[in-house]
Amino acid sequence: KISLLQDIEKKIDEKSENIKDTIDLVQFLKVLFSEDKATFFISEDSKYIFFLTQIEGTSQRDALKITRKLYSNADEAKKWRNYILQYIHPDRSNHPLAKQACQKLDELYGDMIRA
């Protein structure tokens, strides 16, 4: 919980000048602390794109369900990546940050298979 609070504080400090980013952060916090997380995002692609592009660190790993197993098992890492990719790939998602989210997903996946 301390790590999460530190991530939140850091994001607020970094993004306090941009109202849209601050609103996105508040929306993320609502998701973290709501009982029904599944209904907050309008779609699966928007959920994964938000997690990939708007948060970092422990909060991001928790939201994306990144575990140590993904770093030690290339097949599991590939399944994880492909599952998320089916929602965020620019050919399937019209979200303006879909390409950026794919780049971040590839970066995370690359870290897993190089571990």
Protein backbone atom coordinates (compact mmCIF):
# COMPACT_ATOMS: atom_id res chain seq x y z
CA LYS A 1 0.00 0.00 0.00
CA ILE A 2 2.87 2.38 0.71
CA SER A 3 4.27 1.78 -2.77
CA LEU A 4 0.85 2.50 -4.30
CA LEU A 5 0.55 5.73 -2.32
CA GLN A 6 4.04 6.76 -3.41
CA ASP A 7 3.12 6.05 -7.06
CA ILE A 8 -0.03 8.14 -6.66
CA GLU A 9 1.81 11.02 -5.04
CA LYS A 10 4.47 10.96 -7.77
CA LYS A 11 1.82 10.99 -10.52
CA ILE A 12 -0.04 13.88 -8.92
CA ASP A 13 3.20 15.88 -8.70
CA GLU A 14 4.17 15.05 -12.29
CA LYS A 15 0.80 15.72 -13.83
CA SER A 16 -0.60 18.52 -11.73
CA GLU A 17 -0.13 21.07 -14.53
CA ASN A 18 -2.25 19.13 -17.02
CA ILE A 19 -5.93 18.90 -16.03
CA LYS A 20 -6.72 16.00 -18.40
CA ASP A 21 -3.91 13.89 -16.94
CA THR A 22 -5.07 14.75 -13.42
CA ILE A 23 -8.62 13.70 -14.32
CA ASP A 24 -7.26 10.43 -15.78
CA LEU A 25 -5.39 9.80 -12.54
CA VAL A 26 -8.50 10.43 -10.46
CA GLN A 27 -10.41 8.00 -12.67
CA PHE A 28 -7.71 5.40 -12.13
CA LEU A 29 -7.94 5.88 -8.38
CA LYS A 30 -11.69 5.37 -8.55
CA VAL A 31 -11.03 2.05 -10.27
CA LEU A 32 -8.54 0.97 -7.64
CA PHE A 33 -10.86 1.72 -4.78
CA SER A 34 -14.21 0.77 -6.26
CA GLU A 35 -15.90 -2.51 -5.52
CA ASP A 36 -17.01 -3.11 -9.10
CA LYS A 37 -13.92 -2.46 -11.20
CA ALA A 38 -15.31 -4.17 -14.29
CA THR A 39 -17.86 -1.48 -15.09
CA PHE A 40 -15.63 1.58 -14.79
CA PHE A 41 -14.04 1.49 -18.24
CA ILE A 42 -16.24 1.74 -21.31
CA SER A 43 -14.33 -1.09 -22.99
CA GLU A 44 -11.55 -3.58 -22.45
CA ASP A 45 -9.29 -1.72 -24.88
CA SER A 46 -9.69 1.55 -23.00
CA LYS A 47 -8.91 -0.23 -19.73
CA TYR A 48 -5.70 -1.85 -20.99
CA ILE A 49 -4.62 1.27 -22.89
CA PHE A 50 -5.06 3.33 -19.74
CA PHE A 51 -3.05 0.87 -17.67
CA LEU A 52 -0.27 0.78 -20.27
CA THR A 53 0.01 4.49 -21.00
CA GLN A 54 -1.06 6.36 -17.88
CA ILE A 55 0.40 4.53 -14.90
CA GLU A 56 3.79 3.03 -14.09
CA GLY A 57 5.59 0.95 -11.52
CA THR A 58 3.90 -1.32 -9.04
CA SER A 59 0.46 0.10 -9.79
CA GLN A 60 0.86 -0.75 -13.47
CA ARG A 61 2.15 -4.25 -12.75
CA ASP A 62 -0.76 -4.90 -10.41
CA ALA A 63 -3.35 -3.53 -12.84
CA LEU A 64 -1.94 -5.61 -15.72
CA LYS A 65 -1.55 -8.71 -13.53
CA ILE A 66 2.16 -8.97 -14.22
CA THR A 67 3.62 -11.72 -12.03
CA ARG A 68 7.05 -13.27 -11.57
CA LYS A 69 5.78 -16.32 -13.43
CA LEU A 70 5.58 -14.23 -16.61
CA TYR A 71 9.31 -13.49 -16.30
CA SER A 72 10.22 -17.14 -15.85
CA ASN A 73 7.90 -18.73 -18.41
CA ALA A 74 8.08 -17.43 -21.99
CA ASP A 75 4.91 -19.28 -23.03
CA GLU A 76 2.90 -17.68 -20.24
CA ALA A 77 4.38 -14.27 -21.08
CA LYS A 78 3.35 -14.72 -24.72
CA LYS A 79 -0.20 -15.73 -23.71
CA TRP A 80 -0.40 -12.67 -21.46
CA ARG A 81 0.82 -10.37 -24.24
CA ASN A 82 -1.47 -11.87 -26.88
CA TYR A 83 -4.48 -11.65 -24.59
CA ILE A 84 -4.00 -7.91 -24.08
CA LEU A 85 -2.96 -7.36 -27.70
CA GLN A 86 -6.29 -8.69 -28.95
CA TYR A 87 -7.93 -5.66 -27.34
CA ILE A 88 -5.44 -2.87 -27.96
CA HIS A 89 -4.00 -3.57 -31.41
CA PRO A 90 -4.53 -0.51 -33.64
CA ASP A 91 -6.25 -2.74 -36.24
CA ARG A 92 -8.91 -3.57 -33.64
CA SER A 93 -9.03 -0.46 -31.46
CA ASN A 94 -9.82 3.07 -32.59
CA HIS A 95 -8.38 4.50 -29.39
CA PRO A 96 -5.93 7.35 -30.11
CA LEU A 97 -3.32 5.82 -27.77
CA ALA A 98 -3.56 2.26 -29.15
CA LYS A 99 -0.20 2.45 -30.93
CA GLN A 100 1.53 3.87 -27.85
CA ALA A 101 -0.04 1.14 -25.70
CA CYS A 102 1.21 -1.56 -28.11
CA GLN A 103 4.72 -0.14 -27.89
CA LYS A 104 4.59 -0.27 -24.08
CA LEU A 105 3.16 -3.80 -24.17
CA ASP A 106 6.01 -4.89 -26.46
CA GLU A 107 8.51 -3.27 -24.10
CA LEU A 108 7.07 -5.11 -21.09
CA TYR A 109 6.94 -8.38 -23.00
CA GLY A 110 10.54 -7.91 -24.18
CA ASP A 111 11.64 -7.45 -20.58
CA MET A 112 9.88 -10.70 -19.67
CA ILE A 113 11.44 -12.87 -22.34
CA ARG A 114 14.93 -11.42 -21.77
CA ALA A 115 14.78 -12.14 -18.03
